[in-house]
Amino acid sequence: MDPALSDPTTRTLHADKLIGRWLNTNPETQGVAEIIIELVGESFFVSVLGVGEDGLIAWPKTKATALANLEEEAGQRALALAVDFDFGFMRAETYLRANKGVLVIVAYYIFLDGSRRSNYVNREFFCRHA
């Protein structure tokens, strides 16, 4: 096992690369428009604004799990986050990481309401808000 996986400092490694307000690089997105990542003590919290028919929809602010991303380019260690958003009718399992100044989110949308809609995965890219 890589020793970094049991190192507590890995949990906040390069946190500054993730913390802040991020805007979707695609202004026409039908998914996630904005992400805010905060570090409170040693815990990360993620807020999301999703796109809805009548405007932006605030997702519940949720505590994230920090993951050590040890396979970064040139052997650099980085930090990734896993966040599960529960909407009752649907769950969004999301994974976020910053790479070369771009925040990438991969989201797995799982429908729980018996509607027979297909679950799906989506990947979107975000730039830091100035």
C-alpha atoms as a PDB file:
ATOM      1  CA  MET A   1       0.000   0.000   0.000  1.00  0.00           C
ATOM      2  CA  ASP A   2       1.238   3.469  -0.848  1.00  0.00           C
ATOM      3  CA  PRO A   3       2.149   5.201   2.468  1.00  0.00           C
ATOM      4  CA  ALA A   4       0.413   8.387   1.292  1.00  0.00           C
ATOM      5  CA  LEU A   5      -2.941   6.633   1.584  1.00  0.00           C
ATOM      6  CA  SER A   6      -2.599   6.448   5.366  1.00  0.00           C
ATOM      7  CA  ASP A   7      -1.004   9.885   5.765  1.00  0.00           C
ATOM      8  CA  PRO A   8      -3.538  12.320   7.335  1.00  0.00           C
ATOM      9  CA  THR A   9      -1.938  15.305   5.566  1.00  0.00           C
ATOM     10  CA  THR A  10      -2.990  13.784   2.230  1.00  0.00           C
ATOM     11  CA  ARG A  11      -6.607  14.647   3.107  1.00  0.00           C
ATOM     12  CA  THR A  12      -5.951  18.361   2.603  1.00  0.00           C
ATOM     13  CA  LEU A  13      -3.040  18.092   0.152  1.00  0.00           C
ATOM     14  CA  HIS A  14      -3.117  21.004  -2.276  1.00  0.00           C
ATOM     15  CA  ALA A  15      -6.608  21.938  -1.068  1.00  0.00           C
ATOM     16  CA  ASP A  16      -6.102  25.441  -2.453  1.00  0.00           C
ATOM     17  CA  LYS A  17      -6.368  23.971  -5.955  1.00  0.00           C
ATOM     18  CA  LEU A  18      -9.967  22.939  -5.213  1.00  0.00           C
ATOM     19  CA  ILE A  19     -11.323  25.575  -2.825  1.00  0.00           C
ATOM     20  CA  GLY A  20     -13.371  28.377  -4.308  1.00  0.00           C
ATOM     21  CA  ARG A  21     -16.134  29.184  -6.747  1.00  0.00           C
ATOM     22  CA  TRP A  22     -16.128  27.417 -10.123  1.00  0.00           C
ATOM     23  CA  LEU A  23     -18.232  28.181 -13.214  1.00  0.00           C
ATOM     24  CA  ASN A  24     -19.066  25.718 -15.972  1.00  0.00           C
ATOM     25  CA  THR A  25     -16.990  26.329 -19.095  1.00  0.00           C
ATOM     26  CA  ASN A  26     -20.112  25.608 -21.171  1.00  0.00           C
ATOM     27  CA  PRO A  27     -22.590  28.476 -20.694  1.00  0.00           C
ATOM     28  CA  GLU A  28     -25.253  26.338 -22.432  1.00  0.00           C
ATOM     29  CA  THR A  29     -25.005  23.459 -19.949  1.00  0.00           C
ATOM     30  CA  GLN A  30     -28.193  21.688 -18.952  1.00  0.00           C
ATOM     31  CA  GLY A  31     -26.460  20.162 -15.922  1.00  0.00           C
ATOM     32  CA  VAL A  32     -24.332  21.871 -13.284  1.00  0.00           C
ATOM     33  CA  ALA A  33     -23.774  25.625 -13.682  1.00  0.00           C
ATOM     34  CA  GLU A  34     -21.649  26.415 -10.624  1.00  0.00           C
ATOM     35  CA  ILE A  35     -19.758  24.660  -7.828  1.00  0.00           C
ATOM     36  CA  ILE A  36     -18.483  26.125  -4.563  1.00  0.00           C
ATOM     37  CA  ILE A  37     -15.927  24.129  -2.559  1.00  0.00           C
ATOM     38  CA  GLU A  38     -15.155  25.147   1.029  1.00  0.00           C
ATOM     39  CA  LEU A  39     -12.725  23.829   3.620  1.00  0.00           C
ATOM     40  CA  VAL A  40     -14.028  24.134   7.189  1.00  0.00           C
ATOM     41  CA  GLY A  41     -11.435  22.830   9.620  1.00  0.00           C
ATOM     42  CA  GLU A  42     -10.408  19.541   8.022  1.00  0.00           C
ATOM     43  CA  SER A  43     -13.752  18.965   6.272  1.00  0.00           C
ATOM     44  CA  PHE A  44     -14.700  19.860   2.717  1.00  0.00           C
ATOM     45  CA  PHE A  45     -18.203  21.026   1.803  1.00  0.00           C
ATOM     46  CA  VAL A  46     -19.593  21.316  -1.715  1.00  0.00           C
ATOM     47  CA  SER A  47     -22.485  23.503  -2.892  1.00  0.00           C
ATOM     48  CA  VAL A  48     -23.886  23.185  -6.403  1.00  0.00           C
ATOM     49  CA  LEU A  49     -26.202  25.248  -8.575  1.00  0.00           C
ATOM     50  CA  GLY A  50     -27.888  23.057 -11.157  1.00  0.00           C
ATOM     51  CA  VAL A  51     -29.782  24.212 -14.232  1.00  0.00           C
ATOM     52  CA  GLY A  52     -33.581  23.980 -14.103  1.00  0.00           C
ATOM     53  CA  GLU A  53     -36.444  24.985 -16.381  1.00  0.00           C
ATOM     54  CA  ASP A  54     -37.114  28.171 -14.396  1.00  0.00           C
ATOM     55  CA  GLY A  55     -33.570  29.063 -13.386  1.00  0.00           C
ATOM     56  CA  LEU A  56     -30.811  27.764 -11.163  1.00  0.00           C
ATOM     57  CA  ILE A  57     -31.562  25.137  -8.511  1.00  0.00           C
ATOM     58  CA  ALA A  58     -29.499  25.009  -5.317  1.00  0.00           C
ATOM     59  CA  TRP A  59     -28.482  21.493  -4.393  1.00  0.00           C
ATOM     60  CA  PRO A  60     -28.105  20.724  -0.669  1.00  0.00           C
ATOM     61  CA  LYS A  61     -24.700  21.750   0.705  1.00  0.00           C
ATOM     62  CA  THR A  62     -22.984  18.436   1.373  1.00  0.00           C
ATOM     63  CA  LYS A  63     -19.877  17.228   3.173  1.00  0.00           C
ATOM     64  CA  ALA A  64     -17.335  15.655   0.818  1.00  0.00           C
ATOM     65  CA  THR A  65     -14.939  12.783   1.312  1.00  0.00           C
ATOM     66  CA  ALA A  66     -11.337  13.654   0.473  1.00  0.00           C
ATOM     67  CA  LEU A  67      -9.525  11.180  -1.764  1.00  0.00           C
ATOM     68  CA  ALA A  68      -5.808  10.986  -2.468  1.00  0.00           C
ATOM     69  CA  ASN A  69      -5.254  11.098  -6.219  1.00  0.00           C
ATOM     70  CA  LEU A  70      -1.815   9.516  -6.432  1.00  0.00           C
ATOM     71  CA  GLU A  71      -1.611   9.010 -10.189  1.00  0.00           C
ATOM     72  CA  GLU A  72      -1.316  12.656 -11.161  1.00  0.00           C
ATOM     73  CA  GLU A  73       0.963  13.619 -14.031  1.00  0.00           C
ATOM     74  CA  ALA A  74       4.703  13.570 -13.266  1.00  0.00           C
ATOM     75  CA  GLY A  75       4.036  11.686 -10.022  1.00  0.00           C
ATOM     76  CA  GLN A  76       2.536  14.696  -8.266  1.00  0.00           C
ATOM     77  CA  ARG A  77       0.011  14.004  -5.568  1.00  0.00           C
ATOM     78  CA  ALA A  78      -3.288  15.816  -5.713  1.00  0.00           C
ATOM     79  CA  LEU A  79      -6.604  15.844  -3.948  1.00  0.00           C
ATOM     80  CA  ALA A  80      -9.959  14.702  -5.277  1.00  0.00           C
ATOM     81  CA  LEU A  81     -13.372  14.816  -3.628  1.00  0.00           C
ATOM     82  CA  ALA A  82     -16.287  12.375  -3.583  1.00  0.00           C
ATOM     83  CA  VAL A  83     -19.717  13.834  -2.811  1.00  0.00           C
ATOM     84  CA  ASP A  84     -23.129  12.147  -2.766  1.00  0.00           C
ATOM     85  CA  PHE A  85     -26.152  14.408  -3.201  1.00  0.00           C
ATOM     86  CA  ASP A  86     -29.484  12.819  -2.200  1.00  0.00           C
ATOM     87  CA  PHE A  87     -32.621  14.371  -3.664  1.00  0.00           C
ATOM     88  CA  GLY A  88     -35.013  11.609  -2.588  1.00  0.00           C
ATOM     89  CA  PHE A  89     -36.117  10.807  -6.134  1.00  0.00           C
ATOM     90  CA  MET A  90     -32.520  10.758  -7.391  1.00  0.00           C
ATOM     91  CA  ARG A  91     -28.978  10.454  -6.097  1.00  0.00           C
ATOM     92  CA  ALA A  92     -25.978  12.121  -7.731  1.00  0.00           C
ATOM     93  CA  GLU A  93     -22.654  10.442  -6.942  1.00  0.00           C
ATOM     94  CA  THR A  94     -20.012  13.003  -7.883  1.00  0.00           C
ATOM     95  CA  TYR A  95     -16.246  13.019  -8.098  1.00  0.00           C
ATOM     96  CA  LEU A  96     -14.286  16.268  -8.435  1.00  0.00           C
ATOM     97  CA  ARG A  97     -10.641  16.981  -9.120  1.00  0.00           C
ATOM     98  CA  ALA A  98      -8.595  19.881 -10.404  1.00  0.00           C
ATOM     99  CA  ASN A  99      -6.207  19.306 -13.272  1.00  0.00           C
ATOM    100  CA  LYS A 100      -4.079  22.088 -14.769  1.00  0.00           C
ATOM    101  CA  GLY A 101      -6.392  24.777 -13.387  1.00  0.00           C
ATOM    102  CA  VAL A 102      -9.621  23.133 -14.570  1.00  0.00           C
ATOM    103  CA  LEU A 103     -12.102  21.512 -12.195  1.00  0.00           C
ATOM    104  CA  VAL A 104     -13.525  18.300 -13.615  1.00  0.00           C
ATOM    105  CA  ILE A 105     -16.697  16.746 -12.231  1.00  0.00           C
ATOM    106  CA  VAL A 106     -17.872  13.262 -13.107  1.00  0.00           C
ATOM    107  CA  ALA A 107     -21.427  12.644 -11.912  1.00  0.00           C
ATOM    108  CA  TYR A 108     -23.426   9.424 -11.853  1.00  0.00           C
ATOM    109  CA  TYR A 109     -27.159  10.164 -11.707  1.00  0.00           C
ATOM    110  CA  ILE A 110     -29.238   7.325 -10.267  1.00  0.00           C
ATOM    111  CA  PHE A 111     -33.042   7.537 -10.284  1.00  0.00           C
ATOM    112  CA  LEU A 112     -34.752   6.083  -7.206  1.00  0.00           C
ATOM    113  CA  ASP A 113     -38.389   7.013  -7.865  1.00  0.00           C
ATOM    114  CA  GLY A 114     -39.466   4.053  -9.993  1.00  0.00           C
ATOM    115  CA  SER A 115     -39.935   6.321 -13.023  1.00  0.00           C
ATOM    116  CA  ARG A 116     -37.944   3.908 -15.207  1.00  0.00           C
ATOM    117  CA  ARG A 117     -35.718   6.751 -16.398  1.00  0.00           C
ATOM    118  CA  SER A 118     -32.263   5.611 -17.387  1.00  0.00           C
ATOM    119  CA  ASN A 119     -29.447   6.309 -14.981  1.00  0.00           C
ATOM    120  CA  TYR A 120     -26.617   8.205 -16.642  1.00  0.00           C
ATOM    121  CA  VAL A 121     -23.109   9.581 -16.228  1.00  0.00           C
ATOM    122  CA  ASN A 122     -21.979  13.069 -17.176  1.00  0.00           C
ATOM    123  CA  ARG A 123     -18.633  14.865 -17.132  1.00  0.00           C
ATOM    124  CA  GLU A 124     -18.353  18.663 -17.051  1.00  0.00           C
ATOM    125  CA  PHE A 125     -15.495  21.164 -16.840  1.00  0.00           C
ATOM    126  CA  PHE A 126     -15.260  24.323 -14.721  1.00  0.00           C
ATOM    127  CA  CYS A 127     -13.011  27.367 -14.557  1.00  0.00           C
ATOM    128  CA  ARG A 128     -12.255  29.284 -11.396  1.00  0.00           C
ATOM    129  CA  HIS A 129     -14.393  32.374 -10.894  1.00  0.00           C
ATOM    130  CA  ALA A 130     -12.193  35.456 -10.647  1.00  0.00           C
END
